[in-house]
N, C-alpha and C. Protein backbone atom coordinates (compact mmCIF):
# COMPACT_ATOMS: atom_id res chain seq x y z
N ILE A 1 109.32 101.35 99.89
CA ILE A 1 109.75 101.78 101.22
C ILE A 1 111.27 101.84 101.24
N LEU A 2 111.78 102.98 101.69
CA LEU A 2 113.22 103.12 101.88
C LEU A 2 113.48 103.29 103.37
N PRO A 3 114.01 102.25 104.03
CA PRO A 3 114.35 102.41 105.45
C PRO A 3 115.63 103.24 105.55
N ILE A 4 115.57 104.32 106.26
CA ILE A 4 116.70 105.24 106.36
C ILE A 4 117.39 105.05 107.71
N HIS A 5 118.71 105.21 107.70
CA HIS A 5 119.52 105.08 108.91
C HIS A 5 120.75 105.95 108.75
N ALA A 6 121.60 105.98 109.73
CA ALA A 6 122.78 106.85 109.70
C ALA A 6 123.70 106.54 108.52
N GLY A 7 123.65 105.32 108.01
CA GLY A 7 124.52 104.94 106.90
C GLY A 7 123.91 105.16 105.52
N THR A 8 122.69 105.69 105.45
CA THR A 8 122.04 105.93 104.16
C THR A 8 122.81 106.99 103.40
N THR A 9 123.07 106.73 102.13
CA THR A 9 123.84 107.65 101.29
C THR A 9 122.91 108.38 100.32
N LYS A 10 123.45 109.43 99.71
CA LYS A 10 122.70 110.14 98.68
C LYS A 10 122.41 109.20 97.52
N GLU A 11 123.32 108.30 97.23
CA GLU A 11 123.13 107.33 96.15
C GLU A 11 121.96 106.40 96.45
N ASP A 12 121.78 106.02 97.71
CA ASP A 12 120.63 105.20 98.10
C ASP A 12 119.33 105.94 97.81
N ILE A 13 119.29 107.22 98.16
CA ILE A 13 118.09 108.04 97.92
C ILE A 13 117.89 108.24 96.43
N ASP A 14 118.97 108.50 95.68
CA ASP A 14 118.90 108.64 94.21
C ASP A 14 118.25 107.41 93.59
N TYR A 15 118.72 106.24 93.98
CA TYR A 15 118.21 104.98 93.42
C TYR A 15 116.73 104.81 93.72
N PHE A 16 116.33 105.13 94.96
CA PHE A 16 114.93 105.00 95.35
C PHE A 16 114.05 105.96 94.54
N VAL A 17 114.48 107.20 94.40
CA VAL A 17 113.71 108.18 93.63
C VAL A 17 113.60 107.74 92.17
N GLN A 18 114.68 107.24 91.60
CA GLN A 18 114.64 106.76 90.21
C GLN A 18 113.65 105.61 90.06
N LYS A 19 113.63 104.68 91.01
CA LYS A 19 112.68 103.56 90.95
C LYS A 19 111.24 104.05 91.03
N VAL A 20 110.97 104.97 91.94
CA VAL A 20 109.61 105.50 92.10
C VAL A 20 109.18 106.24 90.84
N ASN A 21 110.09 106.95 90.21
CA ASN A 21 109.77 107.74 89.01
C ASN A 21 109.48 106.88 87.78
N LEU A 22 109.70 105.59 87.85
CA LEU A 22 109.42 104.71 86.72
C LEU A 22 107.92 104.49 86.51
N TYR A 23 107.14 104.71 87.56
CA TYR A 23 105.70 104.45 87.49
C TYR A 23 104.94 105.60 86.82
N ASP A 24 103.93 105.23 86.04
CA ASP A 24 103.04 106.22 85.47
C ASP A 24 101.74 106.33 86.27
N ALA A 25 101.41 105.27 87.00
CA ALA A 25 100.24 105.28 87.87
C ALA A 25 100.60 106.02 89.16
N PRO A 26 99.62 106.43 89.94
CA PRO A 26 99.92 107.06 91.23
C PRO A 26 100.78 106.15 92.10
N VAL A 27 101.80 106.71 92.70
CA VAL A 27 102.72 105.92 93.53
C VAL A 27 103.15 106.75 94.74
N TRP A 28 103.24 106.07 95.86
CA TRP A 28 103.73 106.68 97.09
C TRP A 28 105.11 106.12 97.41
N GLY A 29 106.05 106.99 97.69
CA GLY A 29 107.37 106.58 98.15
C GLY A 29 107.47 106.87 99.64
N PHE A 30 107.64 105.82 100.44
CA PHE A 30 107.68 105.99 101.89
C PHE A 30 109.12 105.96 102.39
N LEU A 31 109.50 107.01 103.10
CA LEU A 31 110.84 107.14 103.67
C LEU A 31 110.72 107.00 105.18
N ASP A 32 111.25 105.91 105.71
CA ASP A 32 111.08 105.61 107.13
C ASP A 32 112.27 106.10 107.94
N GLU A 33 112.00 106.70 109.07
CA GLU A 33 113.02 107.19 110.01
C GLU A 33 113.91 108.26 109.38
N ILE A 34 113.27 109.26 108.77
CA ILE A 34 114.01 110.29 108.04
C ILE A 34 114.94 111.11 108.92
N ASN A 35 114.68 111.16 110.20
CA ASN A 35 115.52 111.97 111.08
C ASN A 35 116.82 111.29 111.47
N THR A 36 117.11 110.12 110.92
CA THR A 36 118.33 109.41 111.32
C THR A 36 119.47 109.51 110.32
N CYS A 37 119.28 110.24 109.22
CA CYS A 37 120.36 110.32 108.23
C CYS A 37 120.82 111.76 108.04
N ASN A 38 121.87 111.92 107.26
CA ASN A 38 122.48 113.23 107.03
C ASN A 38 121.89 113.97 105.85
N TYR A 39 120.81 113.49 105.27
CA TYR A 39 120.26 114.09 104.06
C TYR A 39 118.84 114.60 104.27
N LEU A 40 118.58 115.16 105.43
CA LEU A 40 117.25 115.65 105.74
C LEU A 40 116.84 116.80 104.82
N GLY A 41 117.78 117.63 104.41
CA GLY A 41 117.48 118.72 103.47
C GLY A 41 117.01 118.18 102.13
N LEU A 42 117.65 117.14 101.64
CA LEU A 42 117.27 116.49 100.39
C LEU A 42 115.88 115.87 100.51
N ILE A 43 115.63 115.23 101.63
CA ILE A 43 114.33 114.60 101.87
C ILE A 43 113.24 115.66 102.00
N THR A 44 113.57 116.79 102.63
CA THR A 44 112.62 117.90 102.73
C THR A 44 112.22 118.39 101.35
N ASP A 45 113.19 118.50 100.45
CA ASP A 45 112.88 118.90 99.07
C ASP A 45 111.89 117.94 98.42
N LEU A 46 112.07 116.64 98.65
CA LEU A 46 111.16 115.65 98.08
C LEU A 46 109.74 115.81 98.61
N ILE A 47 109.62 115.90 99.92
CA ILE A 47 108.31 115.89 100.56
C ILE A 47 107.61 117.24 100.49
N VAL A 48 108.32 118.31 100.79
CA VAL A 48 107.70 119.62 100.92
C VAL A 48 107.70 120.39 99.60
N ARG A 49 108.85 120.46 98.95
CA ARG A 49 108.97 121.26 97.73
C ARG A 49 108.66 120.47 96.46
N ARG A 50 108.54 119.13 96.60
CA ARG A 50 108.25 118.25 95.47
C ARG A 50 109.28 118.41 94.35
N LYS A 51 110.54 118.50 94.78
CA LYS A 51 111.66 118.64 93.84
C LYS A 51 112.76 117.65 94.21
N TYR A 52 113.52 117.28 93.19
CA TYR A 52 114.70 116.44 93.43
C TYR A 52 115.81 116.90 92.51
N ASN A 53 116.93 117.25 93.10
CA ASN A 53 118.07 117.80 92.34
C ASN A 53 117.63 118.98 91.48
N GLY A 54 116.70 119.79 92.00
CA GLY A 54 116.23 120.98 91.29
C GLY A 54 115.12 120.74 90.29
N ASP A 55 114.80 119.48 90.02
CA ASP A 55 113.75 119.16 89.05
C ASP A 55 112.44 118.85 89.78
N ASN A 56 111.32 119.24 89.16
CA ASN A 56 110.01 118.91 89.73
C ASN A 56 109.76 117.41 89.65
N LEU A 57 109.10 116.89 90.67
CA LEU A 57 108.69 115.49 90.64
C LEU A 57 107.51 115.33 89.68
N LYS A 58 107.34 114.13 89.17
CA LYS A 58 106.17 113.83 88.35
C LYS A 58 104.92 113.99 89.21
N SER A 59 103.83 114.39 88.59
CA SER A 59 102.60 114.68 89.34
C SER A 59 102.00 113.45 90.01
N ASN A 60 102.33 112.25 89.53
CA ASN A 60 101.78 111.02 90.11
C ASN A 60 102.58 110.51 91.31
N VAL A 61 103.70 111.15 91.62
CA VAL A 61 104.59 110.69 92.69
C VAL A 61 104.38 111.51 93.95
N ILE A 62 104.17 110.81 95.06
CA ILE A 62 104.02 111.45 96.36
C ILE A 62 104.98 110.78 97.33
N PHE A 63 105.77 111.59 98.02
CA PHE A 63 106.67 111.04 99.04
C PHE A 63 106.11 111.34 100.42
N LEU A 64 106.25 110.37 101.28
CA LEU A 64 105.78 110.45 102.65
C LEU A 64 106.93 110.01 103.55
N GLY A 65 107.12 110.70 104.65
CA GLY A 65 108.21 110.34 105.55
C GLY A 65 107.73 110.16 106.98
N ALA A 66 108.44 109.34 107.71
CA ALA A 66 108.15 109.14 109.13
C ALA A 66 109.44 109.34 109.92
N CYS A 67 109.29 109.96 111.07
CA CYS A 67 110.46 110.10 111.94
C CYS A 67 110.07 109.66 113.34
N ASN A 68 111.05 109.13 114.02
CA ASN A 68 110.83 108.68 115.38
C ASN A 68 111.23 109.79 116.34
N PRO A 69 110.54 109.91 117.46
CA PRO A 69 110.90 110.96 118.40
C PRO A 69 112.29 110.72 118.97
N TYR A 70 112.95 111.80 119.24
CA TYR A 70 114.27 111.75 119.85
C TYR A 70 114.15 111.29 121.29
N SER A 71 115.02 110.41 121.70
CA SER A 71 115.04 110.02 123.11
C SER A 71 116.48 110.04 123.60
N LYS A 72 116.67 110.67 124.71
CA LYS A 72 118.00 110.77 125.30
C LYS A 72 118.32 109.51 126.08
N ARG A 73 119.52 108.99 125.87
CA ARG A 73 119.96 107.81 126.59
C ARG A 73 120.36 108.18 128.02
N GLU A 74 119.96 107.35 128.94
CA GLU A 74 120.35 107.56 130.33
C GLU A 74 121.84 107.32 130.53
N ASN A 75 122.34 106.23 129.96
CA ASN A 75 123.76 105.88 130.09
C ASN A 75 124.37 105.77 128.70
N PRO A 76 124.91 106.87 128.17
CA PRO A 76 125.49 106.80 126.83
C PRO A 76 126.61 105.78 126.76
N VAL A 77 126.73 105.15 125.63
CA VAL A 77 127.74 104.11 125.43
C VAL A 77 129.09 104.73 125.24
């Protein structure tokens, strides 16, 4: 599980993908709160296109993401 937030970096995602790719058995990589970081395009490639940095993911690797609904603050800080 990679908890994602506004401070998540590309290096954080790189490290997570490298760890998941170490497995030969079926493995799920869960990306939580994907809509809170600046790398949604990169995450889309993982989940939808099954690619990372232009390379195909291993067939045993599946990425799953969750996003929380947007809510507008009544009194912005």
